[in-house]
Amino acid sequence: MSHMKRLAILTVTAMTVALAGCAAQRQAMGEYFDDAGVTTRVKKAIYDDPSLKVTQISVTTNDGVVHLTGEVESRGKAARAAQVARKVEGVKAVKNDLKVK
């Protein structure tokens, strides 16, 4: 094989690998921003619910799974927080680790 053909094949291969890496990074960044948006929407939904105190409930999201932590006054409020979170767009599941004071 000639030197030029080898160089062309090497260049095309390098470009293909580089583009694949960029696409994977772009997807990961998109997932991060999607999770941040879900977290924000869940926090707002909990804040808007008059029976819940948003300052006592922490919300994180990873791949659409919302994790609730913190303290609430009753089991009913813990269940209500999970119920509110489940109704938010983009939530795939809710992990409820809220503790009752």
PDB file of N, CA and C in Angstrom:
ATOM      1  N   MET A   1       0.853  -1.167   0.000  1.00  0.00           N
ATOM      2  CA  MET A   1       0.000   0.000   0.000  1.00  0.00           C
ATOM      3  C   MET A   1       0.902   1.234   0.000  1.00  0.00           C
ATOM      4  N   SER A   2       0.505   2.228  -0.731  1.00  0.00           N
ATOM      5  CA  SER A   2       1.341   3.419  -0.851  1.00  0.00           C
ATOM      6  C   SER A   2       1.274   4.255   0.426  1.00  0.00           C
ATOM      7  N   HIS A   3       2.250   5.084   0.557  1.00  0.00           N
ATOM      8  CA  HIS A   3       2.356   5.964   1.724  1.00  0.00           C
ATOM      9  C   HIS A   3       1.139   6.896   1.823  1.00  0.00           C
ATOM     10  N   MET A   4       0.645   7.406   0.723  1.00  0.00           N
ATOM     11  CA  MET A   4      -0.493   8.326   0.705  1.00  0.00           C
ATOM     12  C   MET A   4      -1.780   7.622   1.154  1.00  0.00           C
ATOM     13  N   LYS A   5      -1.971   6.371   0.724  1.00  0.00           N
ATOM     14  CA  LYS A   5      -3.167   5.633   1.127  1.00  0.00           C
ATOM     15  C   LYS A   5      -3.158   5.371   2.632  1.00  0.00           C
ATOM     16  N   ARG A   6      -2.003   5.005   3.160  1.00  0.00           N
ATOM     17  CA  ARG A   6      -1.880   4.768   4.599  1.00  0.00           C
ATOM     18  C   ARG A   6      -2.172   6.046   5.384  1.00  0.00           C
ATOM     19  N   LEU A   7      -1.643   7.147   4.912  1.00  0.00           N
ATOM     20  CA  LEU A   7      -1.862   8.429   5.564  1.00  0.00           C
ATOM     21  C   LEU A   7      -3.350   8.814   5.525  1.00  0.00           C
ATOM     22  N   ALA A   8      -4.005   8.572   4.403  1.00  0.00           N
ATOM     23  CA  ALA A   8      -5.426   8.878   4.272  1.00  0.00           C
ATOM     24  C   ALA A   8      -6.256   8.009   5.211  1.00  0.00           C
ATOM     25  N   ILE A   9      -5.953   6.722   5.283  1.00  0.00           N
ATOM     26  CA  ILE A   9      -6.678   5.804   6.165  1.00  0.00           C
ATOM     27  C   ILE A   9      -6.468   6.205   7.625  1.00  0.00           C
ATOM     28  N   LEU A  10      -5.252   6.537   7.986  1.00  0.00           N
ATOM     29  CA  LEU A  10      -4.939   6.963   9.344  1.00  0.00           C
ATOM     30  C   LEU A  10      -5.695   8.254   9.700  1.00  0.00           C
ATOM     31  N   THR A  11      -5.754   9.183   8.780  1.00  0.00           N
ATOM     32  CA  THR A  11      -6.456  10.451   9.008  1.00  0.00           C
ATOM     33  C   THR A  11      -7.952  10.225   9.192  1.00  0.00           C
ATOM     34  N   VAL A  12      -8.553   9.421   8.334  1.00  0.00           N
ATOM     35  CA  VAL A  12      -9.984   9.133   8.435  1.00  0.00           C
ATOM     36  C   VAL A  12     -10.294   8.414   9.754  1.00  0.00           C
ATOM     37  N   THR A  13      -9.449   7.471  10.141  1.00  0.00           N
ATOM     38  CA  THR A  13      -9.647   6.746  11.393  1.00  0.00           C
ATOM     39  C   THR A  13      -9.572   7.692  12.593  1.00  0.00           C
ATOM     40  N   ALA A  14      -8.573   8.564  12.596  1.00  0.00           N
ATOM     41  CA  ALA A  14      -8.412   9.523  13.696  1.00  0.00           C
ATOM     42  C   ALA A  14      -9.611  10.455  13.783  1.00  0.00           C
ATOM     43  N   MET A  15     -10.114  10.913  12.655  1.00  0.00           N
ATOM     44  CA  MET A  15     -11.263  11.817  12.649  1.00  0.00           C
ATOM     45  C   MET A  15     -12.521  11.103  13.156  1.00  0.00           C
ATOM     46  N   THR A  16     -12.692   9.838  12.782  1.00  0.00           N
ATOM     47  CA  THR A  16     -13.848   9.062  13.220  1.00  0.00           C
ATOM     48  C   THR A  16     -13.836   8.886  14.734  1.00  0.00           C
ATOM     49  N   VAL A  17     -12.693   8.560  15.286  1.00  0.00           N
ATOM     50  CA  VAL A  17     -12.568   8.383  16.733  1.00  0.00           C
ATOM     51  C   VAL A  17     -12.822   9.709  17.450  1.00  0.00           C
ATOM     52  N   ALA A  18     -12.281  10.783  16.934  1.00  0.00           N
ATOM     53  CA  ALA A  18     -12.470  12.095  17.557  1.00  0.00           C
ATOM     54  C   ALA A  18     -13.930  12.512  17.546  1.00  0.00           C
ATOM     55  N   LEU A  19     -14.611  12.306  16.441  1.00  0.00           N
ATOM     56  CA  LEU A  19     -16.020  12.676  16.352  1.00  0.00           C
ATOM     57  C   LEU A  19     -16.886  11.827  17.277  1.00  0.00           C
ATOM     58  N   ALA A  20     -16.565  10.566  17.402  1.00  0.00           N
ATOM     59  CA  ALA A  20     -17.318   9.699  18.306  1.00  0.00           C
ATOM     60  C   ALA A  20     -17.152  10.165  19.743  1.00  0.00           C
ATOM     61  N   GLY A  21     -15.966  10.576  20.117  1.00  0.00           N
ATOM     62  CA  GLY A  21     -15.713  11.101  21.459  1.00  0.00           C
ATOM     63  C   GLY A  21     -16.496  12.367  21.721  1.00  0.00           C
ATOM     64  N   CYS A  22     -16.577  13.248  20.755  1.00  0.00           N
ATOM     65  CA  CYS A  22     -17.339  14.490  20.903  1.00  0.00           C
ATOM     66  C   CYS A  22     -18.821  14.203  21.072  1.00  0.00           C
ATOM     67  N   ALA A  23     -19.336  13.258  20.336  1.00  0.00           N
ATOM     68  CA  ALA A  23     -20.760  12.916  20.442  1.00  0.00           C
ATOM     69  C   ALA A  23     -21.072  12.361  21.826  1.00  0.00           C
ATOM     70  N   ALA A  24     -20.212  11.513  22.366  1.00  0.00           N
ATOM     71  CA  ALA A  24     -20.432  10.953  23.696  1.00  0.00           C
ATOM     72  C   ALA A  24     -20.389  12.038  24.751  1.00  0.00           C
ATOM     73  N   GLN A  25     -19.455  12.977  24.626  1.00  0.00           N
ATOM     74  CA  GLN A  25     -19.353  14.063  25.587  1.00  0.00           C
ATOM     75  C   GLN A  25     -20.590  14.955  25.504  1.00  0.00           C
ATOM     76  N   ARG A  26     -21.051  15.255  24.318  1.00  0.00           N
ATOM     77  CA  ARG A  26     -22.234  16.094  24.133  1.00  0.00           C
ATOM     78  C   ARG A  26     -23.451  15.425  24.770  1.00  0.00           C
ATOM     79  N   GLN A  27     -23.574  14.109  24.621  1.00  0.00           N
ATOM     80  CA  GLN A  27     -24.696  13.380  25.212  1.00  0.00           C
ATOM     81  C   GLN A  27     -24.608  13.453  26.737  1.00  0.00           C
ATOM     82  N   ALA A  28     -23.423  13.265  27.310  1.00  0.00           N
ATOM     83  CA  ALA A  28     -23.268  13.327  28.763  1.00  0.00           C
ATOM     84  C   ALA A  28     -23.609  14.713  29.275  1.00  0.00           C
ATOM     85  N   MET A  29     -23.195  15.756  28.589  1.00  0.00           N
ATOM     86  CA  MET A  29     -23.521  17.115  28.992  1.00  0.00           C
ATOM     87  C   MET A  29     -25.029  17.337  28.917  1.00  0.00           C
ATOM     88  N   GLY A  30     -25.661  16.814  27.879  1.00  0.00           N
ATOM     89  CA  GLY A  30     -27.110  16.946  27.744  1.00  0.00           C
ATOM     90  C   GLY A  30     -27.841  16.268  28.888  1.00  0.00           C
ATOM     91  N   GLU A  31     -27.364  15.090  29.277  1.00  0.00           N
ATOM     92  CA  GLU A  31     -27.979  14.378  30.396  1.00  0.00           C
ATOM     93  C   GLU A  31     -27.818  15.168  31.681  1.00  0.00           C
ATOM     94  N   TYR A  32     -26.653  15.802  31.871  1.00  0.00           N
ATOM     95  CA  TYR A  32     -26.419  16.609  33.069  1.00  0.00           C
ATOM     96  C   TYR A  32     -27.425  17.754  33.132  1.00  0.00           C
ATOM     97  N   PHE A  33     -27.600  18.458  32.018  1.00  0.00           N
ATOM     98  CA  PHE A  33     -28.529  19.579  32.004  1.00  0.00           C
ATOM     99  C   PHE A  33     -29.975  19.107  32.129  1.00  0.00           C
ATOM    100  N   ASP A  34     -30.306  17.957  31.577  1.00  0.00           N
ATOM    101  CA  ASP A  34     -31.650  17.400  31.747  1.00  0.00           C
ATOM    102  C   ASP A  34     -31.911  17.114  33.224  1.00  0.00           C
ATOM    103  N   ASP A  35     -30.943  16.500  33.901  1.00  0.00           N
ATOM    104  CA  ASP A  35     -31.093  16.204  35.326  1.00  0.00           C
ATOM    105  C   ASP A  35     -31.207  17.485  36.151  1.00  0.00           C
ATOM    106  N   ALA A  36     -30.438  18.500  35.792  1.00  0.00           N
ATOM    107  CA  ALA A  36     -30.521  19.777  36.513  1.00  0.00           C
ATOM    108  C   ALA A  36     -31.910  20.387  36.341  1.00  0.00           C
ATOM    109  N   GLY A  37     -32.466  20.292  35.152  1.00  0.00           N
ATOM    110  CA  GLY A  37     -33.810  20.807  34.908  1.00  0.00           C
ATOM    111  C   GLY A  37     -34.861  20.047  35.695  1.00  0.00           C
ATOM    112  N   VAL A  38     -34.719  18.725  35.757  1.00  0.00           N
ATOM    113  CA  VAL A  38     -35.659  17.903  36.536  1.00  0.00           C
ATOM    114  C   VAL A  38     -35.575  18.299  38.006  1.00  0.00           C
ATOM    115  N   THR A  39     -34.361  18.439  38.525  1.00  0.00           N
ATOM    116  CA  THR A  39     -34.175  18.838  39.923  1.00  0.00           C
ATOM    117  C   THR A  39     -34.867  20.168  40.203  1.00  0.00           C
ATOM    118  N   THR A  40     -34.676  21.130  39.312  1.00  0.00           N
ATOM    119  CA  THR A  40     -35.294  22.447  39.488  1.00  0.00           C
ATOM    120  C   THR A  40     -36.817  22.349  39.479  1.00  0.00           C
ATOM    121  N   ARG A  41     -37.372  21.578  38.547  1.00  0.00           N
ATOM    122  CA  ARG A  41     -38.829  21.433  38.470  1.00  0.00           C
ATOM    123  C   ARG A  41     -39.398  20.725  39.708  1.00  0.00           C
ATOM    124  N   VAL A  42     -38.673  19.723  40.215  1.00  0.00           N
ATOM    125  CA  VAL A  42     -39.138  19.016  41.413  1.00  0.00           C
ATOM    126  C   VAL A  42     -39.095  19.956  42.619  1.00  0.00           C
ATOM    127  N   LYS A  43     -38.003  20.706  42.766  1.00  0.00           N
ATOM    128  CA  LYS A  43     -37.904  21.653  43.883  1.00  0.00           C
ATOM    129  C   LYS A  43     -39.048  22.666  43.837  1.00  0.00           C
ATOM    130  N   LYS A  44     -39.353  23.163  42.647  1.00  0.00           N
ATOM    131  CA  LYS A  44     -40.436  24.138  42.505  1.00  0.00           C
ATOM    132  C   LYS A  44     -41.777  23.494  42.854  1.00  0.00           C
ATOM    133  N   ALA A  45     -42.010  22.273  42.396  1.00  0.00           N
ATOM    134  CA  ALA A  45     -43.272  21.589  42.683  1.00  0.00           C
ATOM    135  C   ALA A  45     -43.431  21.364  44.181  1.00  0.00           C
ATOM    136  N   ILE A  46     -42.351  20.986  44.853  1.00  0.00           N
ATOM    137  CA  ILE A  46     -42.404  20.790  46.307  1.00  0.00           C
ATOM    138  C   ILE A  46     -42.628  22.135  46.996  1.00  0.00           C
ATOM    139  N   TYR A  47     -41.936  23.159  46.545  1.00  0.00           N
ATOM    140  CA  TYR A  47     -42.097  24.502  47.118  1.00  0.00           C
ATOM    141  C   TYR A  47     -43.533  25.012  46.953  1.00  0.00           C
ATOM    142  N   ASP A  48     -44.131  24.737  45.809  1.00  0.00           N
ATOM    143  CA  ASP A  48     -45.492  25.200  45.528  1.00  0.00           C
ATOM    144  C   ASP A  48     -46.559  24.438  46.298  1.00  0.00           C
ATOM    145  N   ASP A  49     -46.205  23.287  46.855  1.00  0.00           N
ATOM    146  CA  ASP A  49     -47.165  22.517  47.637  1.00  0.00           C
ATOM    147  C   ASP A  49     -47.215  23.110  49.049  1.00  0.00           C
ATOM    148  N   PRO A  50     -48.375  23.635  49.468  1.00  0.00           N
ATOM    149  CA  PRO A  50     -48.449  24.328  50.753  1.00  0.00           C
ATOM    150  C   PRO A  50     -48.175  23.448  51.973  1.00  0.00           C
ATOM    151  N   SER A  51     -48.272  22.139  51.839  1.00  0.00           N
ATOM    152  CA  SER A  51     -48.060  21.266  52.996  1.00  0.00           C
ATOM    153  C   SER A  51     -46.595  20.869  53.191  1.00  0.00           C
ATOM    154  N   LEU A  52     -45.736  21.235  52.265  1.00  0.00           N
ATOM    155  CA  LEU A  52     -44.328  20.839  52.339  1.00  0.00           C
ATOM    156  C   LEU A  52     -43.428  22.052  52.545  1.00  0.00           C
ATOM    157  N   LYS A  53     -42.347  21.862  53.300  1.00  0.00           N
ATOM    158  CA  LYS A  53     -41.363  22.919  53.506  1.00  0.00           C
ATOM    159  C   LYS A  53     -40.125  22.584  52.683  1.00  0.00           C
ATOM    160  N   VAL A  54     -39.889  23.358  51.640  1.00  0.00           N
ATOM    161  CA  VAL A  54     -38.809  23.060  50.704  1.00  0.00           C
ATOM    162  C   VAL A  54     -37.427  23.130  51.348  1.00  0.00           C
ATOM    163  N   THR A  55     -37.263  23.927  52.386  1.00  0.00           N
ATOM    164  CA  THR A  55     -35.940  24.068  53.003  1.00  0.00           C
ATOM    165  C   THR A  55     -35.514  22.813  53.737  1.00  0.00           C
ATOM    166  N   GLN A  56     -36.452  21.934  54.046  1.00  0.00           N
ATOM    167  CA  GLN A  56     -36.121  20.709  54.769  1.00  0.00           C
ATOM    168  C   GLN A  56     -35.974  19.498  53.847  1.00  0.00           C
ATOM    169  N   ILE A  57     -36.182  19.688  52.555  1.00  0.00           N
ATOM    170  CA  ILE A  57     -36.105  18.593  51.602  1.00  0.00           C
ATOM    171  C   ILE A  57     -35.048  18.909  50.551  1.00  0.00           C
ATOM    172  N   SER A  58     -34.079  18.014  50.420  1.00  0.00           N
ATOM    173  CA  SER A  58     -33.048  18.161  49.390  1.00  0.00           C
ATOM    174  C   SER A  58     -33.400  17.258  48.211  1.00  0.00           C
ATOM    175  N   VAL A  59     -33.131  17.764  47.008  1.00  0.00           N
ATOM    176  CA  VAL A  59     -33.473  17.033  45.788  1.00  0.00           C
ATOM    177  C   VAL A  59     -32.230  16.936  44.912  1.00  0.00           C
ATOM    178  N   THR A  60     -31.922  15.723  44.480  1.00  0.00           N
ATOM    179  CA  THR A  60     -30.881  15.509  43.473  1.00  0.00           C
ATOM    180  C   THR A  60     -31.455  14.574  42.410  1.00  0.00           C
ATOM    181  N   THR A  61     -30.894  14.659  41.218  1.00  0.00           N
ATOM    182  CA  THR A  61     -31.369  13.809  40.122  1.00  0.00           C
ATOM    183  C   THR A  61     -30.183  13.220  39.394  1.00  0.00           C
ATOM    184  N   ASN A  62     -30.275  11.932  39.098  1.00  0.00           N
ATOM    185  CA  ASN A  62     -29.243  11.255  38.317  1.00  0.00           C
ATOM    186  C   ASN A  62     -29.936  10.370  37.302  1.00  0.00           C
ATOM    187  N   ASP A  63     -29.772  10.698  36.033  1.00  0.00           N
ATOM    188  CA  ASP A  63     -30.373   9.945  34.931  1.00  0.00           C
ATOM    189  C   ASP A  63     -31.893   9.823  35.082  1.00  0.00           C
ATOM    190  N   GLY A  64     -32.522  10.915  35.516  1.00  0.00           N
ATOM    191  CA  GLY A  64     -33.976  10.939  35.639  1.00  0.00           C
ATOM    192  C   GLY A  64     -34.519  10.369  36.926  1.00  0.00           C
ATOM    193  N   VAL A  65     -33.656   9.804  37.770  1.00  0.00           N
ATOM    194  CA  VAL A  65     -34.082   9.257  39.056  1.00  0.00           C
ATOM    195  C   VAL A  65     -33.876  10.325  40.127  1.00  0.00           C
ATOM    196  N   VAL A  66     -34.978  10.744  40.746  1.00  0.00           N
ATOM    197  CA  VAL A  66     -34.948  11.797  41.757  1.00  0.00           C
ATOM    198  C   VAL A  66     -34.703  11.175  43.126  1.00  0.00           C
ATOM    199  N   HIS A  67     -33.784  11.790  43.885  1.00  0.00           N
ATOM    200  CA  HIS A  67     -33.459  11.317  45.227  1.00  0.00           C
ATOM    201  C   HIS A  67     -33.849  12.410  46.223  1.00  0.00           C
ATOM    202  N   LEU A  68     -34.784  12.089  47.107  1.00  0.00           N
ATOM    203  CA  LEU A  68     -35.239  13.025  48.127  1.00  0.00           C
ATOM    204  C   LEU A  68     -34.592  12.671  49.455  1.00  0.00           C
ATOM    205  N   THR A  69     -33.975  13.669  50.104  1.00  0.00           N
ATOM    206  CA  THR A  69     -33.377  13.476  51.420  1.00  0.00           C
ATOM    207  C   THR A  69     -33.774  14.658  52.301  1.00  0.00           C
ATOM    208  N   GLY A  70     -33.588  14.493  53.601  1.00  0.00           N
ATOM    209  CA  GLY A  70     -33.899  15.554  54.542  1.00  0.00           C
ATOM    210  C   GLY A  70     -34.882  15.056  55.589  1.00  0.00           C
ATOM    211  N   GLU A  71     -35.501  16.027  56.284  1.00  0.00           N
ATOM    212  CA  GLU A  71     -36.427  15.684  57.355  1.00  0.00           C
ATOM    213  C   GLU A  71     -37.787  16.313  57.109  1.00  0.00           C
ATOM    214  N   VAL A  72     -38.818  15.553  57.424  1.00  0.00           N
ATOM    215  CA  VAL A  72     -40.195  16.035  57.346  1.00  0.00           C
ATOM    216  C   VAL A  72     -40.884  15.692  58.672  1.00  0.00           C
ATOM    217  N   GLU A  73     -42.058  16.258  58.869  1.00  0.00           N
ATOM    218  CA  GLU A  73     -42.750  16.120  60.146  1.00  0.00           C
ATOM    219  C   GLU A  73     -43.547  14.819  60.285  1.00  0.00           C
ATOM    220  N   SER A  74     -43.862  14.168  59.168  1.00  0.00           N
ATOM    221  CA  SER A  74     -44.678  12.954  59.262  1.00  0.00           C
ATOM    222  C   SER A  74     -44.439  12.059  58.047  1.00  0.00           C
ATOM    223  N   ARG A  75     -44.874  10.811  58.171  1.00  0.00           N
ATOM    224  CA  ARG A  75     -44.795   9.887  57.037  1.00  0.00           C
ATOM    225  C   ARG A  75     -45.652  10.376  55.883  1.00  0.00           C
ATOM    226  N   GLY A  76     -46.769  10.996  56.227  1.00  0.00           N
ATOM    227  CA  GLY A  76     -47.657  11.532  55.197  1.00  0.00           C
ATOM    228  C   GLY A  76     -46.972  12.591  54.349  1.00  0.00           C
ATOM    229  N   LYS A  77     -46.172  13.447  54.994  1.00  0.00           N
ATOM    230  CA  LYS A  77     -45.460  14.481  54.236  1.00  0.00           C
ATOM    231  C   LYS A  77     -44.351  13.869  53.377  1.00  0.00           C
ATOM    232  N   ALA A  78     -43.722  12.815  53.871  1.00  0.00           N
ATOM    233  CA  ALA A  78     -42.706  12.124  53.074  1.00  0.00           C
ATOM    234  C   ALA A  78     -43.358  11.507  51.840  1.00  0.00           C
ATOM    235  N   ALA A  79     -44.504  10.881  52.047  1.00  0.00           N
ATOM    236  CA  ALA A  79     -45.227  10.280  50.922  1.00  0.00           C
ATOM    237  C   ALA A  79     -45.711  11.354  49.953  1.00  0.00           C
ATOM    238  N   ARG A  80     -46.175  12.486  50.486  1.00  0.00           N
ATOM    239  CA  ARG A  80     -46.654  13.580  49.634  1.00  0.00           C
ATOM    240  C   ARG A  80     -45.511  14.147  48.794  1.00  0.00           C
ATOM    241  N   ALA A  81     -44.330  14.303  49.370  1.00  0.00           N
ATOM    242  CA  ALA A  81     -43.186  14.818  48.616  1.00  0.00           C
ATOM    243  C   ALA A  81     -42.839  13.886  47.457  1.00  0.00           C
ATOM    244  N   ALA A  82     -42.850  12.587  47.706  1.00  0.00           N
ATOM    245  CA  ALA A  82     -42.568  11.619  46.645  1.00  0.00           C
ATOM    246  C   ALA A  82     -43.650  11.668  45.573  1.00  0.00           C
ATOM    247  N   GLN A  83     -44.899  11.800  45.999  1.00  0.00           N
ATOM    248  CA  GLN A  83     -46.018  11.875  45.061  1.00  0.00           C
ATOM    249  C   GLN A  83     -45.886  13.111  44.171  1.00  0.00           C
ATOM    250  N   VAL A  84     -45.551  14.248  44.760  1.00  0.00           N
ATOM    251  CA  VAL A  84     -45.372  15.486  43.998  1.00  0.00           C
ATOM    252  C   VAL A  84     -44.227  15.314  43.003  1.00  0.00           C
ATOM    253  N   ALA A  85     -43.122  14.726  43.454  1.00  0.00           N
ATOM    254  CA  ALA A  85     -41.953  14.544  42.586  1.00  0.00           C
ATOM    255  C   ALA A  85     -42.272  13.642  41.402  1.00  0.00           C
ATOM    256  N   ARG A  86     -43.024  12.568  41.628  1.00  0.00           N
ATOM    257  CA  ARG A  86     -43.350  11.622  40.551  1.00  0.00           C
ATOM    258  C   ARG A  86     -44.135  12.268  39.416  1.00  0.00           C
ATOM    259  N   LYS A  87     -44.896  13.301  39.718  1.00  0.00           N
ATOM    260  CA  LYS A  87     -45.734  13.959  38.707  1.00  0.00           C
ATOM    261  C   LYS A  87     -44.967  14.946  37.829  1.00  0.00           C
ATOM    262  N   VAL A  88     -43.728  15.227  38.174  1.00  0.00           N
ATOM    263  CA  VAL A  88     -42.937  16.211  37.429  1.00  0.00           C
ATOM    264  C   VAL A  88     -42.423  15.599  36.134  1.00  0.00           C
ATOM    265  N   GLU A  89     -42.496  16.374  35.067  1.00  0.00           N
ATOM    266  CA  GLU A  89     -42.020  15.923  33.757  1.00  0.00           C
ATOM    267  C   GLU A  89     -40.534  15.580  33.810  1.00  0.00           C
ATOM    268  N   GLY A  90     -40.187  14.430  33.252  1.00  0.00           N
ATOM    269  CA  GLY A  90     -38.795  13.998  33.183  1.00  0.00           C
ATOM    270  C   GLY A  90     -38.374  13.065  34.299  1.00  0.00           C
ATOM    271  N   VAL A  91     -39.230  12.881  35.301  1.00  0.00           N
ATOM    272  CA  VAL A  91     -38.904  11.989  36.419  1.00  0.00           C
ATOM    273  C   VAL A  91     -39.203  10.554  36.018  1.00  0.00           C
ATOM    274  N   LYS A  92     -38.181   9.706  36.069  1.00  0.00           N
ATOM    275  CA  LYS A  92     -38.349   8.287  35.759  1.00  0.00           C
ATOM    276  C   LYS A  92     -38.713   7.480  37.001  1.00  0.00           C
ATOM    277  N   ALA A  93     -38.134   7.864  38.141  1.00  0.00           N
ATOM    278  CA  ALA A  93     -38.382   7.170  39.404  1.00  0.00           C
ATOM    279  C   ALA A  93     -38.025   8.113  40.548  1.00  0.00           C
ATOM    280  N   VAL A  94     -38.502   7.773  41.749  1.00  0.00           N
ATOM    281  CA  VAL A  94     -38.204   8.577  42.935  1.00  0.00           C
ATOM    282  C   VAL A  94     -37.659   7.658  44.017  1.00  0.00           C
ATOM    283  N   LYS A  95     -36.506   8.022  44.564  1.00  0.00           N
ATOM    284  CA  LYS A  95     -35.933   7.324  45.708  1.00  0.00           C
ATOM    285  C   LYS A  95     -36.185   8.220  46.919  1.00  0.00           C
ATOM    286  N   ASN A  96     -37.040   7.777  47.797  1.00  0.00           N
ATOM    287  CA  ASN A  96     -37.477   8.596  48.934  1.00  0.00           C
ATOM    288  C   ASN A  96     -36.725   8.180  50.194  1.00  0.00           C
ATOM    289  N   ASP A  97     -35.723   8.984  50.577  1.00  0.00           N
ATOM    290  CA  ASP A  97     -34.977   8.742  51.822  1.00  0.00           C
ATOM    291  C   ASP A  97     -35.253   9.837  52.849  1.00  0.00           C
ATOM    292  N   LEU A  98     -36.459  10.381  52.826  1.00  0.00           N
ATOM    293  CA  LEU A  98     -36.831  11.406  53.801  1.00  0.00           C
ATOM    294  C   LEU A  98     -37.018  10.761  55.167  1.00  0.00           C
ATOM    295  N   LYS A  99     -36.522  11.412  56.196  1.00  0.00           N
ATOM    296  CA  LYS A  99     -36.635  10.936  57.577  1.00  0.00           C
ATOM    297  C   LYS A  99     -37.728  11.719  58.284  1.00  0.00           C
ATOM    298  N   VAL A 100     -38.443  11.040  59.151  1.00  0.00           N
ATOM    299  CA  VAL A 100     -39.470  11.691  59.966  1.00  0.00           C
ATOM    300  C   VAL A 100     -38.813  12.157  61.257  1.00  0.00           C
ATOM    301  N   LYS A 101     -39.025  13.428  61.610  1.00  0.00           N
ATOM    302  CA  LYS A 101     -38.443  13.985  62.843  1.00  0.00           C
ATOM    303  C   LYS A 101     -39.063  13.343  64.051  1.00  0.00           C
TER     304      LYS A 101
END
